[in-house]
Amino acid sequence: MTDGRNSAGRLITFEGGDGSGKSTQLRMTETWLSEQGYKVRVTHEPGDTQLGKEIRRLLLEGEYTPVPECELLMFLADRAQHVREVMMPALKAGEWVLCDRYSDSTMAYQLAGRKLADLQGLGSMLNFAELGVSPDLTLWFDLPVTEALHRIRSRSSMGEASTRLDEESQSFHESVHAAFAKLHSVHSDRISRIDASEAIDRVQQQIQSVFTERGLV
């Protein structure tokens, strides 16, 4: 089904700690929106461009570990390429873009997690990398750190490869979680909290309710 619903592109970002289930819910949301007649583009950060794939490898799987300042700049470089090459064309074409991680992850992981919170000029750096593209809605998948780490370990035991960020200390992940909570409290007009501790279907119901309550569908 196609109709006027595709005339205006939207950017919906899926945020949260590792193990929160946001990637699974993004795919389920893609299916649901497609069934409603919307044209949907699924994407992620880092690594959804050819250049970005190499940046992702260096960031998460490479043999060299970047210092926090370098890590931040590499994530921002990936974002600028991603926005220009993937997001802007999709939004211009009237597609709904569902993005797994965006600038809130930079705030939580690189600033809070890496203790770069006092970095001057960060707002301007984030805006520069976004090229004027900001989310219409952000879904924050809130899951206690202990449960998230249990999920990460379970995935690893089943053979799923972990990333360098997955393997960070519990204190790092707690700092990230606290940063997401603060972002939600400050930007509740844009960020909706999703209780990610519930069953998969119940989490999806929460997401659909948010879309309806905010008048997006």
N, C-alpha and C. Protein backbone atom coordinates (compact mmCIF):
# COMPACT_ATOMS: atom_id res chain seq x y z
N MET A 1 0.85 -1.18 0.00
CA MET A 1 0.00 0.00 0.00
C MET A 1 0.88 1.23 0.00
N THR A 2 0.60 2.17 -0.84
CA THR A 2 1.31 3.45 -0.85
C THR A 2 0.29 4.58 -0.89
N ASP A 3 0.56 5.62 -0.18
CA ASP A 3 -0.33 6.77 -0.17
C ASP A 3 0.46 8.00 0.27
N GLY A 4 -0.27 9.06 0.64
CA GLY A 4 0.38 10.30 1.02
C GLY A 4 1.23 10.21 2.27
N ARG A 5 1.16 9.10 2.98
CA ARG A 5 1.95 8.96 4.20
C ARG A 5 3.45 9.05 3.92
N ASN A 6 3.85 8.75 2.70
CA ASN A 6 5.27 8.76 2.37
C ASN A 6 5.79 10.13 1.98
N SER A 7 4.94 11.17 2.05
CA SER A 7 5.35 12.47 1.55
C SER A 7 6.35 13.18 2.46
N ALA A 8 6.37 12.84 3.74
CA ALA A 8 7.27 13.52 4.67
C ALA A 8 8.17 12.51 5.37
N GLY A 9 9.47 12.66 5.19
CA GLY A 9 10.40 11.77 5.85
C GLY A 9 10.50 12.06 7.34
N ARG A 10 10.78 11.03 8.11
CA ARG A 10 10.96 11.16 9.55
C ARG A 10 12.24 10.43 9.95
N LEU A 11 12.91 10.94 10.97
CA LEU A 11 14.07 10.25 11.52
C LEU A 11 13.73 9.80 12.93
N ILE A 12 13.74 8.50 13.14
CA ILE A 12 13.49 7.91 14.44
C ILE A 12 14.77 7.19 14.87
N THR A 13 15.32 7.59 16.01
CA THR A 13 16.56 6.97 16.48
C THR A 13 16.27 6.03 17.64
N PHE A 14 16.99 4.91 17.65
CA PHE A 14 16.85 3.86 18.67
C PHE A 14 18.12 3.88 19.50
N GLU A 15 17.97 4.19 20.78
CA GLU A 15 19.13 4.39 21.65
C GLU A 15 19.04 3.52 22.90
N GLY A 16 20.19 3.26 23.49
CA GLY A 16 20.24 2.50 24.73
C GLY A 16 21.55 1.77 24.85
N GLY A 17 21.76 1.17 26.00
CA GLY A 17 22.98 0.44 26.24
C GLY A 17 23.05 -0.85 25.44
N ASP A 18 24.24 -1.41 25.35
CA ASP A 18 24.40 -2.70 24.68
C ASP A 18 23.59 -3.75 25.44
N GLY A 19 22.92 -4.62 24.69
CA GLY A 19 22.11 -5.66 25.30
C GLY A 19 20.68 -5.26 25.59
N SER A 20 20.29 -4.03 25.25
CA SER A 20 18.95 -3.55 25.57
C SER A 20 17.87 -4.04 24.62
N GLY A 21 18.26 -4.66 23.51
CA GLY A 21 17.27 -5.19 22.56
C GLY A 21 16.79 -4.20 21.53
N LYS A 22 17.41 -3.03 21.45
CA LYS A 22 16.94 -2.00 20.52
C LYS A 22 17.02 -2.41 19.06
N SER A 23 18.04 -3.19 18.70
CA SER A 23 18.20 -3.59 17.29
C SER A 23 17.08 -4.54 16.87
N THR A 24 16.71 -5.45 17.76
CA THR A 24 15.57 -6.35 17.49
C THR A 24 14.29 -5.54 17.32
N GLN A 25 14.07 -4.60 18.21
CA GLN A 25 12.86 -3.79 18.15
C GLN A 25 12.84 -2.88 16.93
N LEU A 26 13.99 -2.45 16.47
CA LEU A 26 14.05 -1.63 15.26
C LEU A 26 13.51 -2.42 14.07
N ARG A 27 13.92 -3.66 13.95
CA ARG A 27 13.46 -4.50 12.84
C ARG A 27 11.95 -4.76 12.95
N MET A 28 11.47 -4.98 14.15
CA MET A 28 10.04 -5.20 14.34
C MET A 28 9.25 -3.94 14.00
N THR A 29 9.81 -2.78 14.35
CA THR A 29 9.15 -1.51 14.04
C THR A 29 9.14 -1.26 12.54
N GLU A 30 10.22 -1.64 11.87
CA GLU A 30 10.26 -1.53 10.41
C GLU A 30 9.12 -2.32 9.79
N THR A 31 8.91 -3.54 10.24
CA THR A 31 7.84 -4.38 9.70
C THR A 31 6.48 -3.74 9.96
N TRP A 32 6.28 -3.26 11.17
CA TRP A 32 4.99 -2.65 11.54
C TRP A 32 4.70 -1.41 10.70
N LEU A 33 5.68 -0.52 10.56
CA LEU A 33 5.46 0.70 9.78
C LEU A 33 5.23 0.39 8.30
N SER A 34 5.97 -0.59 7.79
CA SER A 34 5.80 -0.98 6.38
C SER A 34 4.38 -1.49 6.15
N GLU A 35 3.86 -2.22 7.11
CA GLU A 35 2.49 -2.73 7.00
C GLU A 35 1.47 -1.59 7.04
N GLN A 36 1.84 -0.44 7.64
CA GLN A 36 0.95 0.72 7.67
C GLN A 36 1.02 1.54 6.38
N GLY A 37 1.94 1.17 5.50
CA GLY A 37 2.04 1.87 4.23
C GLY A 37 3.17 2.88 4.13
N TYR A 38 4.05 2.90 5.13
CA TYR A 38 5.17 3.84 5.11
C TYR A 38 6.38 3.21 4.42
N LYS A 39 7.12 4.04 3.73
CA LYS A 39 8.37 3.60 3.13
C LYS A 39 9.47 3.79 4.16
N VAL A 40 10.13 2.69 4.53
CA VAL A 40 11.06 2.72 5.66
C VAL A 40 12.47 2.37 5.23
N ARG A 41 13.43 3.11 5.76
CA ARG A 41 14.84 2.81 5.55
C ARG A 41 15.47 2.52 6.91
N VAL A 42 16.06 1.33 7.05
CA VAL A 42 16.75 0.94 8.28
C VAL A 42 18.24 1.20 8.11
N THR A 43 18.84 1.81 9.12
CA THR A 43 20.27 2.09 9.05
C THR A 43 20.85 2.04 10.46
N HIS A 44 22.15 2.22 10.57
CA HIS A 44 22.81 2.11 11.88
C HIS A 44 24.12 2.89 11.88
N GLU A 45 24.58 3.14 13.09
CA GLU A 45 25.89 3.76 13.28
C GLU A 45 26.67 2.97 14.33
N PRO A 46 27.97 2.88 14.16
CA PRO A 46 28.74 3.28 12.97
C PRO A 46 28.71 2.19 11.91
N GLY A 47 29.03 2.56 10.66
CA GLY A 47 29.33 1.56 9.64
C GLY A 47 28.34 1.28 8.55
N ASP A 48 27.39 2.19 8.26
CA ASP A 48 26.43 1.89 7.20
C ASP A 48 26.75 2.63 5.90
N THR A 49 28.01 2.93 5.67
CA THR A 49 28.50 3.37 4.37
C THR A 49 29.78 2.59 4.10
N GLN A 50 30.28 2.65 2.89
CA GLN A 50 31.51 1.92 2.60
C GLN A 50 32.66 2.45 3.44
N LEU A 51 32.77 3.77 3.53
CA LEU A 51 33.80 4.35 4.38
C LEU A 51 33.52 4.03 5.85
N GLY A 52 32.25 4.08 6.20
CA GLY A 52 31.87 3.80 7.58
C GLY A 52 32.21 2.39 8.03
N LYS A 53 32.13 1.44 7.12
CA LYS A 53 32.49 0.07 7.49
C LYS A 53 33.94 -0.02 7.96
N GLU A 54 34.82 0.71 7.30
CA GLU A 54 36.21 0.70 7.71
C GLU A 54 36.40 1.44 9.04
N ILE A 55 35.68 2.54 9.20
CA ILE A 55 35.74 3.25 10.48
C ILE A 55 35.25 2.35 11.60
N ARG A 56 34.14 1.63 11.37
CA ARG A 56 33.61 0.72 12.39
C ARG A 56 34.63 -0.36 12.75
N ARG A 57 35.27 -0.91 11.74
CA ARG A 57 36.26 -1.95 12.00
C ARG A 57 37.38 -1.41 12.89
N LEU A 58 37.87 -0.23 12.55
CA LEU A 58 38.94 0.37 13.33
C LEU A 58 38.49 0.68 14.75
N LEU A 59 37.24 1.13 14.90
CA LEU A 59 36.73 1.50 16.20
C LEU A 59 36.47 0.31 17.11
N LEU A 60 35.82 -0.71 16.57
CA LEU A 60 35.29 -1.78 17.40
C LEU A 60 36.04 -3.10 17.30
N GLU A 61 36.78 -3.29 16.21
CA GLU A 61 37.41 -4.60 16.01
C GLU A 61 38.89 -4.50 15.66
N GLY A 62 39.39 -3.29 15.49
CA GLY A 62 40.77 -3.11 15.04
C GLY A 62 41.79 -3.52 16.09
N GLU A 63 43.03 -3.70 15.63
CA GLU A 63 44.10 -4.13 16.54
C GLU A 63 44.60 -2.99 17.41
N TYR A 64 44.27 -1.75 17.06
CA TYR A 64 44.72 -0.60 17.83
C TYR A 64 43.54 0.05 18.53
N THR A 65 43.72 0.40 19.77
CA THR A 65 42.65 1.04 20.56
C THR A 65 42.82 2.56 20.53
N PRO A 66 41.83 3.27 19.99
CA PRO A 66 41.96 4.74 19.94
C PRO A 66 41.84 5.35 21.33
N VAL A 67 42.54 6.44 21.57
CA VAL A 67 42.35 7.18 22.81
C VAL A 67 40.96 7.82 22.76
N PRO A 68 40.38 8.19 23.91
CA PRO A 68 39.00 8.71 23.92
C PRO A 68 38.75 9.84 22.94
N GLU A 69 39.68 10.78 22.84
CA GLU A 69 39.48 11.92 21.93
C GLU A 69 39.44 11.46 20.48
N CYS A 70 40.30 10.52 20.14
CA CYS A 70 40.32 9.98 18.78
C CYS A 70 39.04 9.20 18.50
N GLU A 71 38.61 8.42 19.48
CA GLU A 71 37.37 7.64 19.32
C GLU A 71 36.19 8.56 19.02
N LEU A 72 36.09 9.65 19.78
CA LEU A 72 35.01 10.61 19.55
C LEU A 72 35.04 11.15 18.13
N LEU A 73 36.20 11.57 17.66
CA LEU A 73 36.30 12.15 16.32
C LEU A 73 36.00 11.12 15.24
N MET A 74 36.36 9.88 15.46
CA MET A 74 36.07 8.83 14.48
C MET A 74 34.57 8.57 14.38
N PHE A 75 33.88 8.56 15.52
CA PHE A 75 32.43 8.40 15.50
C PHE A 75 31.76 9.57 14.78
N LEU A 76 32.26 10.78 15.00
CA LEU A 76 31.68 11.94 14.34
C LEU A 76 31.96 11.92 12.83
N ALA A 77 33.14 11.43 12.45
CA ALA A 77 33.44 11.31 11.02
C ALA A 77 32.50 10.32 10.35
N ASP A 78 32.26 9.20 11.01
CA ASP A 78 31.30 8.23 10.48
C ASP A 78 29.92 8.85 10.34
N ARG A 79 29.53 9.65 11.33
CA ARG A 79 28.19 10.26 11.30
C ARG A 79 28.04 11.22 10.13
N ALA A 80 29.02 12.07 9.91
CA ALA A 80 28.93 13.02 8.81
C ALA A 80 28.78 12.30 7.47
N GLN A 81 29.57 11.26 7.26
CA GLN A 81 29.48 10.48 6.03
C GLN A 81 28.11 9.82 5.92
N HIS A 82 27.64 9.29 7.03
CA HIS A 82 26.36 8.58 7.07
C HIS A 82 25.18 9.51 6.78
N VAL A 83 25.19 10.67 7.42
CA VAL A 83 24.10 11.63 7.21
C VAL A 83 24.06 12.08 5.75
N ARG A 84 25.22 12.44 5.21
CA ARG A 84 25.27 12.95 3.84
C ARG A 84 24.91 11.88 2.82
N GLU A 85 25.40 10.66 3.03
CA GLU A 85 25.28 9.62 2.02
C GLU A 85 24.01 8.80 2.13
N VAL A 86 23.50 8.62 3.35
CA VAL A 86 22.36 7.72 3.57
C VAL A 86 21.11 8.47 4.03
N MET A 87 21.23 9.21 5.11
CA MET A 87 20.04 9.80 5.73
C MET A 87 19.40 10.89 4.88
N MET A 88 20.21 11.85 4.45
CA MET A 88 19.63 12.98 3.73
C MET A 88 18.89 12.56 2.46
N PRO A 89 19.46 11.68 1.63
CA PRO A 89 18.71 11.24 0.45
C PRO A 89 17.42 10.51 0.80
N ALA A 90 17.45 9.68 1.85
CA ALA A 90 16.26 8.93 2.23
C ALA A 90 15.16 9.87 2.74
N LEU A 91 15.53 10.81 3.59
CA LEU A 91 14.55 11.76 4.12
C LEU A 91 13.98 12.64 3.01
N LYS A 92 14.83 13.05 2.09
CA LYS A 92 14.37 13.86 0.97
C LYS A 92 13.38 13.10 0.10
N ALA A 93 13.56 11.79 0.01
CA ALA A 93 12.66 10.94 -0.78
C ALA A 93 11.38 10.60 -0.02
N GLY A 94 11.23 11.13 1.20
CA GLY A 94 10.01 10.89 1.97
C GLY A 94 10.02 9.60 2.77
N GLU A 95 11.18 9.00 2.94
CA GLU A 95 11.25 7.76 3.70
C GLU A 95 11.33 8.03 5.20
N TRP A 96 10.87 7.05 5.96
CA TRP A 96 11.08 7.07 7.40
C TRP A 96 12.40 6.36 7.66
N VAL A 97 13.32 7.05 8.31
CA VAL A 97 14.62 6.47 8.60
C VAL A 97 14.64 6.01 10.06
N LEU A 98 14.86 4.71 10.25
CA LEU A 98 15.00 4.15 11.59
C LEU A 98 16.48 3.88 11.80
N CYS A 99 17.10 4.62 12.71
CA CYS A 99 18.55 4.54 12.88
C CYS A 99 18.94 3.96 14.23
N ASP A 100 19.73 2.91 14.19
CA ASP A 100 20.27 2.27 15.38
C ASP A 100 21.48 3.06 15.84
N ARG A 101 21.29 3.93 16.81
CA ARG A 101 22.28 4.84 17.41
C ARG A 101 22.45 6.12 16.57
N TYR A 102 22.65 7.22 17.33
CA TYR A 102 22.90 8.51 16.71
C TYR A 102 23.61 9.38 17.76
N SER A 103 23.36 10.66 17.79
CA SER A 103 24.15 11.55 18.63
C SER A 103 24.00 11.30 20.13
N ASP A 104 22.85 10.79 20.57
CA ASP A 104 22.70 10.51 22.00
C ASP A 104 23.70 9.45 22.45
N SER A 105 24.02 8.50 21.58
CA SER A 105 25.03 7.50 21.92
C SER A 105 26.39 8.14 22.08
N THR A 106 26.68 9.15 21.28
CA THR A 106 27.95 9.86 21.42
C THR A 106 28.01 10.54 22.78
N MET A 107 26.91 11.17 23.18
CA MET A 107 26.85 11.83 24.48
C MET A 107 27.04 10.81 25.61
N ALA A 108 26.40 9.65 25.48
CA ALA A 108 26.44 8.66 26.56
C ALA A 108 27.76 7.90 26.61
N TYR A 109 28.23 7.43 25.46
CA TYR A 109 29.42 6.58 25.43
C TYR A 109 30.72 7.38 25.45
N GLN A 110 30.85 8.32 24.53
CA GLN A 110 32.13 9.02 24.42
C GLN A 110 32.28 10.12 25.48
N LEU A 111 31.19 10.81 25.83
CA LEU A 111 31.33 11.88 26.82
C LEU A 111 31.25 11.34 28.23
N ALA A 112 30.15 10.66 28.56
CA ALA A 112 30.00 10.15 29.93
C ALA A 112 30.88 8.92 30.17
N GLY A 113 30.80 7.95 29.27
CA GLY A 113 31.57 6.72 29.45
C GLY A 113 33.07 6.95 29.46
N ARG A 114 33.54 7.82 28.58
CA ARG A 114 34.98 8.11 28.48
C ARG A 114 35.40 9.33 29.29
N LYS A 115 34.45 9.89 30.04
CA LYS A 115 34.75 11.04 30.92
C LYS A 115 35.24 12.26 30.14
N LEU A 116 34.61 12.50 29.00
CA LEU A 116 34.93 13.69 28.21
C LEU A 116 33.85 14.75 28.35
N ALA A 117 33.08 14.67 29.42
CA ALA A 117 31.90 15.52 29.56
C ALA A 117 32.21 17.01 29.59
N ASP A 118 33.42 17.39 29.92
CA ASP A 118 33.76 18.81 30.00
C ASP A 118 34.39 19.35 28.72
N LEU A 119 34.34 18.54 27.68
CA LEU A 119 34.95 18.95 26.42
C LEU A 119 34.26 20.20 25.88
N GLN A 120 35.01 21.25 25.68
CA GLN A 120 34.43 22.49 25.18
C GLN A 120 34.11 22.39 23.70
N GLY A 121 33.01 23.02 23.33
CA GLY A 121 32.64 23.07 21.93
C GLY A 121 31.99 21.81 21.40
N LEU A 122 31.62 20.87 22.32
CA LEU A 122 31.08 19.61 21.85
C LEU A 122 29.77 19.79 21.09
N GLY A 123 28.91 20.69 21.59
CA GLY A 123 27.63 20.91 20.92
C GLY A 123 27.83 21.30 19.47
N SER A 124 28.78 22.17 19.22
CA SER A 124 29.05 22.59 17.85
C SER A 124 29.59 21.44 17.02
N MET A 125 30.41 20.58 17.63
CA MET A 125 30.95 19.42 16.91
C MET A 125 29.84 18.45 16.52
N LEU A 126 28.91 18.20 17.45
CA LEU A 126 27.79 17.30 17.16
C LEU A 126 26.91 17.88 16.05
N ASN A 127 26.61 19.16 16.15
CA ASN A 127 25.78 19.81 15.13
C ASN A 127 26.47 19.77 13.77
N PHE A 128 27.77 19.97 13.76
CA PHE A 128 28.52 19.93 12.51
C PHE A 128 28.41 18.56 11.86
N ALA A 129 28.56 17.50 12.64
CA ALA A 129 28.51 16.14 12.10
C ALA A 129 27.10 15.75 11.66
N GLU A 130 26.08 16.31 12.30
CA GLU A 130 24.69 15.98 11.95
C GLU A 130 24.22 16.67 10.68
N LEU A 131 24.91 17.71 10.26
CA LEU A 131 24.56 18.44 9.04
C LEU A 131 23.10 18.92 9.06
N GLY A 132 22.62 19.27 10.25
CA GLY A 132 21.26 19.78 10.36
C GLY A 132 20.17 18.73 10.45
N VAL A 133 20.54 17.46 10.51
CA VAL A 133 19.55 16.37 10.57
C VAL A 133 19.40 15.90 12.01
N SER A 134 18.27 16.20 12.62
CA SER A 134 18.02 15.81 14.01
C SER A 134 16.79 14.91 14.08
N PRO A 135 16.70 14.06 15.11
CA PRO A 135 15.58 13.10 15.20
C PRO A 135 14.24 13.75 15.45
N ASP A 136 13.20 13.19 14.84
CA ASP A 136 11.83 13.57 15.17
C ASP A 136 11.40 12.90 16.46
N LEU A 137 11.97 11.73 16.72
CA LEU A 137 11.66 10.96 17.93
C LEU A 137 12.85 10.06 18.24
N THR A 138 13.16 9.96 19.53
CA THR A 138 14.19 9.03 19.98
C THR A 138 13.57 8.07 20.98
N LEU A 139 13.79 6.79 20.79
CA LEU A 139 13.33 5.76 21.72
C LEU A 139 14.52 5.30 22.54
N TRP A 140 14.42 5.49 23.86
CA TRP A 140 15.49 5.04 24.75
C TRP A 140 15.08 3.72 25.42
N PHE A 141 15.83 2.67 25.15
CA PHE A 141 15.54 1.36 25.69
C PHE A 141 16.26 1.22 27.03
N ASP A 142 15.48 1.37 28.08
CA ASP A 142 16.00 1.42 29.45
C ASP A 142 16.02 0.00 30.04
N LEU A 143 17.22 -0.46 30.35
CA LEU A 143 17.39 -1.79 30.92
C LEU A 143 18.46 -1.71 32.01
N PRO A 144 18.21 -2.29 33.19
CA PRO A 144 19.24 -2.27 34.23
C PRO A 144 20.56 -2.86 33.71
N VAL A 145 21.66 -2.27 34.13
CA VAL A 145 22.97 -2.67 33.62
C VAL A 145 23.25 -4.15 33.88
N THR A 146 22.87 -4.64 35.06
CA THR A 146 23.15 -6.05 35.37
C THR A 146 22.45 -6.98 34.38
N GLU A 147 21.21 -6.65 34.02
CA GLU A 147 20.48 -7.47 33.05
C GLU A 147 21.09 -7.34 31.67
N ALA A 148 21.50 -6.14 31.29
CA ALA A 148 22.12 -5.92 29.99
C ALA A 148 23.41 -6.73 29.86
N LEU A 149 24.23 -6.71 30.90
CA LEU A 149 25.48 -7.47 30.87
C LEU A 149 25.22 -8.97 30.81
N HIS A 150 24.17 -9.41 31.48
CA HIS A 150 23.80 -10.84 31.40
C HIS A 150 23.44 -11.21 29.97
N ARG A 151 22.70 -10.34 29.30
CA ARG A 151 22.33 -10.60 27.90
C ARG A 151 23.57 -10.63 27.00
N ILE A 152 24.49 -9.70 27.24
CA ILE A 152 25.72 -9.66 26.44
C ILE A 152 26.51 -10.95 26.61
N ARG A 153 26.63 -11.40 27.86
CA ARG A 153 27.37 -12.65 28.11
C ARG A 153 26.67 -13.84 27.47
N SER A 154 25.35 -13.83 27.51
CA SER A 154 24.60 -14.93 26.90
C SER A 154 24.81 -14.98 25.40
N ARG A 155 24.84 -13.82 24.77
CA ARG A 155 25.09 -13.77 23.33
C ARG A 155 26.48 -14.29 23.01
N SER A 156 27.45 -13.91 23.82
CA SER A 156 28.82 -14.35 23.59
C SER A 156 28.95 -15.85 23.74
N SER A 157 28.24 -16.42 24.73
CA SER A 157 28.31 -17.87 24.96
C SER A 157 27.69 -18.65 23.81
N MET A 158 26.81 -17.98 23.04
CA MET A 158 26.17 -18.63 21.89
C MET A 158 26.95 -18.39 20.60
N GLY A 159 28.13 -17.77 20.73
CA GLY A 159 29.00 -17.60 19.57
C GLY A 159 28.91 -16.27 18.87
N GLU A 160 28.07 -15.36 19.37
CA GLU A 160 27.96 -14.04 18.74
C GLU A 160 29.17 -13.20 19.14
N ALA A 161 29.81 -12.61 18.15
CA ALA A 161 31.02 -11.83 18.41
C ALA A 161 30.69 -10.57 19.19
N SER A 162 31.50 -10.27 20.18
CA SER A 162 31.32 -9.05 20.96
C SER A 162 32.25 -7.97 20.42
N THR A 163 31.93 -6.72 20.72
CA THR A 163 32.77 -5.60 20.29
C THR A 163 33.59 -5.09 21.48
N ARG A 164 34.50 -4.19 21.19
CA ARG A 164 35.33 -3.63 22.25
C ARG A 164 34.48 -2.90 23.29
N LEU A 165 33.38 -2.28 22.86
CA LEU A 165 32.52 -1.57 23.80
C LEU A 165 31.71 -2.54 24.66
N ASP A 166 31.30 -3.68 24.06
CA ASP A 166 30.60 -4.70 24.85
C ASP A 166 31.44 -5.13 26.05
N GLU A 167 32.73 -5.20 25.85
CA GLU A 167 33.63 -5.77 26.85
C GLU A 167 34.13 -4.76 27.88
N GLU A 168 33.60 -3.55 27.84
CA GLU A 168 33.99 -2.56 28.83
C GLU A 168 33.50 -2.97 30.23
N SER A 169 34.04 -2.32 31.26
CA SER A 169 33.71 -2.66 32.64
C SER A 169 32.27 -2.31 32.98
N GLN A 170 31.78 -2.88 34.07
CA GLN A 170 30.43 -2.58 34.51
C GLN A 170 30.28 -1.10 34.85
N SER A 171 31.31 -0.51 35.44
CA SER A 171 31.24 0.91 35.79
C SER A 171 31.09 1.78 34.54
N PHE A 172 31.73 1.39 33.45
CA PHE A 172 31.58 2.11 32.18
C PHE A 172 30.13 2.05 31.73
N HIS A 173 29.55 0.84 31.73
CA HIS A 173 28.16 0.70 31.28
C HIS A 173 27.19 1.42 32.21
N GLU A 174 27.52 1.48 33.50
CA GLU A 174 26.67 2.23 34.43
C GLU A 174 26.72 3.73 34.14
N SER A 175 27.89 4.22 33.77
CA SER A 175 28.00 5.64 33.39
C SER A 175 27.20 5.93 32.14
N VAL A 176 27.24 5.01 31.18
CA VAL A 176 26.47 5.17 29.95
C VAL A 176 24.97 5.18 30.25
N HIS A 177 24.53 4.25 31.09
CA HIS A 177 23.11 4.18 31.43
C HIS A 177 22.64 5.46 32.13
N ALA A 178 23.45 5.95 33.07
CA ALA A 178 23.10 7.18 33.77
C ALA A 178 23.02 8.36 32.81
N ALA A 179 23.89 8.38 31.81
CA ALA A 179 23.87 9.47 30.84
C ALA A 179 22.60 9.43 30.00
N PHE A 180 22.18 8.24 29.59
CA PHE A 180 20.92 8.13 28.83
C PHE A 180 19.74 8.59 29.69
N ALA A 181 19.75 8.22 30.96
CA ALA A 181 18.67 8.65 31.86
C ALA A 181 18.62 10.17 31.97
N LYS A 182 19.78 10.79 32.06
CA LYS A 182 19.83 12.26 32.15
C LYS A 182 19.34 12.90 30.86
N LEU A 183 19.77 12.35 29.72
CA LEU A 183 19.31 12.88 28.44
C LEU A 183 17.79 12.80 28.33
N HIS A 184 17.23 11.70 28.80
CA HIS A 184 15.77 11.54 28.76
C HIS A 184 15.09 12.58 29.63
N SER A 185 15.64 12.85 30.81
CA SER A 185 15.01 13.83 31.70
C SER A 185 15.08 15.25 31.12
N VAL A 186 16.14 15.54 30.40
CA VAL A 186 16.32 16.88 29.83
C VAL A 186 15.55 17.05 28.52
N HIS A 187 15.45 15.98 27.75
CA HIS A 187 14.84 16.06 26.41
C HIS A 187 13.62 15.15 26.28
N SER A 188 12.76 15.16 27.30
CA SER A 188 11.59 14.27 27.28
C SER A 188 10.62 14.60 26.15
N ASP A 189 10.73 15.82 25.60
CA ASP A 189 9.88 16.18 24.46
C ASP A 189 10.26 15.38 23.22
N ARG A 190 11.51 14.95 23.15
CA ARG A 190 11.98 14.17 22.01
C ARG A 190 12.22 12.70 22.33
N ILE A 191 12.67 12.43 23.56
CA ILE A 191 13.07 11.07 23.94
C ILE A 191 11.97 10.40 24.75
N SER A 192 11.52 9.24 24.30
CA SER A 192 10.55 8.44 25.03
C SER A 192 11.24 7.22 25.64
N ARG A 193 10.98 6.99 26.91
CA ARG A 193 11.56 5.83 27.60
C ARG A 193 10.76 4.57 27.30
N ILE A 194 11.46 3.53 26.93
CA ILE A 194 10.86 2.22 26.70
C ILE A 194 11.40 1.26 27.76
N ASP A 195 10.51 0.58 28.47
CA ASP A 195 10.93 -0.41 29.46
C ASP A 195 11.38 -1.66 28.74
N ALA A 196 12.70 -1.79 28.58
CA ALA A 196 13.26 -2.90 27.79
C ALA A 196 13.36 -4.19 28.57
N SER A 197 12.91 -4.20 29.83
CA SER A 197 12.97 -5.42 30.63
C SER A 197 11.78 -6.33 30.36
N GLU A 198 10.78 -5.83 29.66
CA GLU A 198 9.59 -6.63 29.38
C GLU A 198 9.83 -7.59 28.22
N ALA A 199 8.86 -8.48 28.01
CA ALA A 199 8.94 -9.44 26.90
C ALA A 199 8.97 -8.69 25.57
N ILE A 200 9.54 -9.32 24.56
CA ILE A 200 9.75 -8.67 23.26
C ILE A 200 8.46 -8.07 22.70
N ASP A 201 7.38 -8.83 22.74
CA ASP A 201 6.12 -8.34 22.19
C ASP A 201 5.58 -7.15 22.98
N ARG A 202 5.76 -7.18 24.29
CA ARG A 202 5.31 -6.07 25.12
C ARG A 202 6.13 -4.81 24.84
N VAL A 203 7.41 -4.98 24.61
CA VAL A 203 8.26 -3.82 24.27
C VAL A 203 7.78 -3.21 22.97
N GLN A 204 7.47 -4.04 21.99
CA GLN A 204 6.98 -3.53 20.72
C GLN A 204 5.65 -2.80 20.87
N GLN A 205 4.80 -3.28 21.76
CA GLN A 205 3.54 -2.60 22.02
C GLN A 205 3.79 -1.21 22.60
N GLN A 206 4.79 -1.11 23.46
CA GLN A 206 5.14 0.21 24.01
C GLN A 206 5.54 1.17 22.89
N ILE A 207 6.35 0.68 21.97
CA ILE A 207 6.82 1.51 20.86
C ILE A 207 5.65 1.99 20.02
N GLN A 208 4.76 1.08 19.67
CA GLN A 208 3.61 1.46 18.85
C GLN A 208 2.73 2.47 19.57
N SER A 209 2.61 2.33 20.89
CA SER A 209 1.82 3.29 21.67
C SER A 209 2.45 4.67 21.63
N VAL A 210 3.77 4.73 21.70
CA VAL A 210 4.48 6.02 21.62
C VAL A 210 4.20 6.71 20.30
N PHE A 211 4.30 5.95 19.21
CA PHE A 211 4.05 6.51 17.89
C PHE A 211 2.64 7.07 17.81
N THR A 212 1.68 6.32 18.36
CA THR A 212 0.28 6.76 18.30
C THR A 212 0.06 7.99 19.18
N GLU A 213 0.57 7.94 20.41
CA GLU A 213 0.37 9.05 21.35
C GLU A 213 0.99 10.35 20.84
N ARG A 214 2.09 10.24 20.12
CA ARG A 214 2.77 11.44 19.60
C ARG A 214 2.23 11.87 18.24
N GLY A 215 1.22 11.16 17.76
CA GLY A 215 0.58 11.55 16.50
C GLY A 215 1.42 11.30 15.26
N LEU A 216 2.35 10.36 15.35
CA LEU A 216 3.21 10.08 14.20
C LEU A 216 2.55 9.13 13.21
N VAL A 217 1.63 8.31 13.67
CA VAL A 217 0.93 7.37 12.79
C VAL A 217 -0.57 7.50 12.99
